[in-house]
Amino acid sequence: MSNVYPWLTTALLLTISNIFMTFAWYGHLRFKTAALWITVLASWGIALLEYCFQVPANRIGHAAGMTGAQLKIMQEVITLAVFAVFSIFYLKEDFKWNYAVGFLLMLAAVFFVFKRWDA
């Protein structure tokens, strides 16, 4: 269990980070009449919260033996999952079949990045 804890902590912190990131990058799309400078400042404020979770997540994961590539692919898959939920429920957009195919291809990338390839 001790070697699983840092991985779960990393995944949880990256998930929280990605929720903030998604709102920072795309949340303003529902407020099209707001001045651009206001949306930029609001996004920066939200992004600061994102970094408060993302940086520790990467530190914990790397200290637990994850490589930079593994951390990045984990972050990307979490980003896609968070964004899929965000786009459906917050932006009220449809989730199309080709998005699902793209997500499955990302999961294949996870396999190839995390699989141990001993020569």
Protein backbone atom coordinates (compact mmCIF):
# COMPACT_ATOMS: atom_id res chain seq x y z
CA MET A 1 0.00 0.00 0.00
CA SER A 2 2.86 2.39 0.73
CA ASN A 3 3.93 2.52 -2.93
CA VAL A 4 0.32 3.08 -4.09
CA TYR A 5 -0.30 6.07 -1.81
CA PRO A 6 1.97 8.55 -3.68
CA TRP A 7 0.45 7.51 -7.02
CA LEU A 8 -3.09 8.05 -5.72
CA THR A 9 -2.09 11.34 -4.13
CA THR A 10 -0.52 12.43 -7.41
CA ALA A 11 -3.64 11.48 -9.38
CA LEU A 12 -5.94 13.24 -6.89
CA LEU A 13 -3.87 16.43 -6.85
CA LEU A 14 -3.62 16.41 -10.66
CA THR A 15 -7.40 16.00 -10.88
CA ILE A 16 -8.00 18.99 -8.59
CA SER A 17 -5.39 20.96 -10.53
CA ASN A 18 -7.08 20.12 -13.82
CA ILE A 19 -10.49 21.21 -12.55
CA PHE A 20 -9.03 24.64 -11.78
CA MET A 21 -7.10 24.66 -15.07
CA THR A 22 -10.19 23.86 -17.09
CA PHE A 23 -12.15 26.68 -15.48
CA ALA A 24 -9.20 29.05 -15.93
CA TRP A 25 -8.84 28.23 -19.62
CA TYR A 26 -12.45 27.64 -20.68
CA GLY A 27 -14.81 28.86 -17.94
CA HIS A 28 -14.97 32.34 -19.44
CA LEU A 29 -16.58 30.98 -22.62
CA ARG A 30 -19.96 31.29 -20.91
CA PHE A 31 -19.31 35.00 -20.30
CA LYS A 32 -18.80 36.27 -23.83
CA THR A 33 -19.76 39.86 -22.98
CA ALA A 34 -17.20 40.26 -20.17
CA ALA A 35 -14.23 42.43 -21.03
CA LEU A 36 -11.23 40.42 -22.16
CA TRP A 37 -8.91 41.98 -19.57
CA ILE A 38 -11.28 40.90 -16.80
CA THR A 39 -11.40 37.33 -18.08
CA VAL A 40 -7.60 37.25 -18.34
CA LEU A 41 -7.17 38.45 -14.75
CA ALA A 42 -9.82 36.03 -13.49
CA SER A 43 -8.13 33.19 -15.39
CA TRP A 44 -4.77 34.07 -13.89
CA GLY A 45 -6.26 33.98 -10.41
CA ILE A 46 -7.78 30.57 -11.02
CA ALA A 47 -4.55 29.34 -12.62
CA LEU A 48 -2.65 30.24 -9.45
CA LEU A 49 -4.86 27.77 -7.59
CA GLU A 50 -4.15 25.22 -10.31
CA TYR A 51 -0.41 25.50 -9.72
CA CYS A 52 -0.90 25.09 -5.97
CA PHE A 53 -2.04 21.52 -6.70
CA GLN A 54 -0.11 20.71 -9.88
CA VAL A 55 3.39 21.44 -8.57
CA PRO A 56 3.04 19.27 -5.44
CA ALA A 57 1.45 16.51 -7.53
CA ASN A 58 4.45 16.38 -9.82
CA ARG A 59 6.90 16.54 -6.91
CA ILE A 60 5.14 13.67 -5.09
CA GLY A 61 4.84 11.56 -8.24
CA HIS A 62 8.45 12.09 -9.26
CA ALA A 63 9.69 11.32 -5.73
CA ALA A 64 7.65 8.09 -5.90
CA GLY A 65 9.57 7.03 -9.02
CA MET A 66 7.35 8.28 -11.80
CA THR A 67 9.19 9.72 -14.80
CA GLY A 68 8.40 13.07 -16.33
CA ALA A 69 6.79 11.31 -19.29
CA GLN A 70 4.58 9.25 -16.97
CA LEU A 71 3.51 12.35 -15.05
CA LYS A 72 2.71 14.15 -18.29
CA ILE A 73 0.63 11.35 -19.78
CA MET A 74 -1.24 10.96 -16.49
CA GLN A 75 -1.94 14.69 -16.49
CA GLU A 76 -3.15 14.61 -20.11
CA VAL A 77 -5.58 11.75 -19.51
CA ILE A 78 -6.92 13.45 -16.40
CA THR A 79 -7.24 16.69 -18.39
CA LEU A 80 -9.30 14.95 -21.07
CA ALA A 81 -11.58 13.29 -18.52
CA VAL A 82 -12.12 16.54 -16.60
CA PHE A 83 -12.69 18.46 -19.83
CA ALA A 84 -15.19 15.91 -21.13
CA VAL A 85 -17.31 16.33 -17.99
CA PHE A 86 -16.81 20.11 -18.06
CA SER A 87 -17.85 20.47 -21.70
CA ILE A 88 -20.98 18.37 -21.22
CA PHE A 89 -22.22 19.86 -17.95
CA TYR A 90 -20.79 23.41 -17.92
CA LEU A 91 -20.56 24.35 -21.60
CA LYS A 92 -23.61 22.19 -22.51
CA GLU A 93 -21.79 20.68 -25.49
CA ASP A 94 -22.36 17.23 -26.96
CA PHE A 95 -19.80 14.48 -26.44
CA LYS A 96 -19.28 12.99 -29.90
CA TRP A 97 -18.07 9.54 -30.89
CA ASN A 98 -14.78 10.83 -32.31
CA TYR A 99 -13.99 12.41 -28.92
CA ALA A 100 -14.41 8.97 -27.35
CA VAL A 101 -12.06 7.45 -29.95
CA GLY A 102 -9.46 10.12 -29.24
CA PHE A 103 -9.78 9.43 -25.51
CA LEU A 104 -9.28 5.71 -26.08
CA LEU A 105 -6.14 6.46 -28.07
CA MET A 106 -4.86 8.48 -25.13
CA LEU A 107 -5.50 5.48 -22.90
CA ALA A 108 -3.41 3.43 -25.33
CA ALA A 109 -0.66 6.03 -24.85
CA VAL A 110 -0.91 5.44 -21.09
CA PHE A 111 -0.32 1.74 -21.67
CA PHE A 112 2.78 2.36 -23.76
CA VAL A 113 4.24 4.96 -21.40
CA PHE A 114 3.63 3.01 -18.17
CA LYS A 115 4.37 -0.52 -19.50
CA ARG A 116 7.73 -1.83 -18.46
CA TRP A 117 9.65 -2.69 -21.62
CA ASP A 118 12.53 -4.86 -20.54
CA ALA A 119 14.86 -5.77 -23.38
